[in-house]
Amino acid sequence: MEYRPLGRTGIQVSSLCLGAMMFGEWGTKDHDESIRIIHRALDAGINFIDTADAYSAGESEEIVGKAIAGRRDDIVLATKVHMPMGADPNRRGSGRRWIVTAVENSLRRLGTDWIDVYQVHRYDPAIDLEVTLGALSDLVHAGKIRHFGHSTWPISAIVEAQWTAERRGLERPWTEQPPYSILTRGIENDALPTLARYGYGVLSYSPLAGGWLSGRYSQGSQAGPAASSRPQNRFDLSLPDNQRKLTAAQSLAQLAGEAGVSLIEMAIAFVLRHPAITSAIIGPRTMGHLESQLPAAELQLSDEVLDAIDQIVAPGVNLNPADSGWMPPALQPTSRRR
């Protein structure tokens, strides 16, 4: 397993990060099986685990906490705040009131005294960045978190956060977690170059594009159960954008076969090849899923294979814009109405 610098934090993390979203009610409900998967990943050399308070309403954090008991010092642990944790409108968001409450809840569920990377799960333009950065800076100074970052933030907010931290003498974000796959390459245009300039660690998610690059979908198939809680415009096979994804996935599968590797391995290795990517988050639901993804950490794609991938999906292109993870509120249909 290769280890890479997490930006300029001084932390070394494995090139594969174990995503824990599928542990608990949303995926593997058997806690013992989830723990076995986590232990197998750790034994394979993965030292980086990413979860969130919202994953199965905190159950994922509880499972991770049980799995890392006795091994905490060897693990770089990341979790998130922002998504709703119940019906109460104050139990969500990235304001100070909720952040200082949510971190204590996460620490308790994870069974740890500190979080290595605490991430704001989504950007909220209604909340002043100084409020968010100020609360997170206080948590760093209190020793409850080591560093903080964000997930799926727009470039304008990322740059503004850096300037706000500098002007106000606050701690700065050090990590970003964007979606990135062969089918979702939009961040190559501006996000990845900008993050590299600021010295960010980038832990990208969904290298298999939500299952599109795992062979889950084919002509005539229907969106599987895993897609039921996701935006259907990302998985509805009747939509032209998703037909383009399906056609590309079929061509990529053929290319992987010609290269003598699985489509899963090629898809993850493609993400890891980008110089701005620190770690690719894999989110196995079963032990079989994990075993099929681990070999990607050792796979080096040739320039010929990368050129062939570019012919199937051009650099900087999202085949379905809905896969970008965040859309500016000003572009929402209701905001465009006069």
Foldseek 3Di string as FASTA:
>chain_A
DDWDDQFPLPDIFAQEEAEQLQDPPLFQPPLVQSLVLVVVCVVLPGQHYEYECPRNNNVSLLSQLVSCVVPVVSHQAEYEFADANDDPPLCGHQALVNVVVVLVVSCVSNVHQAHAEYEHEEDDPVDDLCRNQVNVQVCCVVRRYVAYAYELYDPVVLVVQVVSCVVVVTGGHAEYEWADWLQAQQCQPPVLVVSVVVRHAYAYEDLCQQVLQVPPDAPPDADDPSCPVPPCVSGGCVDPLVVLSNVLSVVLQVLCVVVVAGSLLVSSLVQSPDPSHRHYYDHDSGSVSVVNNSVSSVDHDDPVSVVVSCVSPPHNDNSRVVSRRDDPPCPPPVNVDD
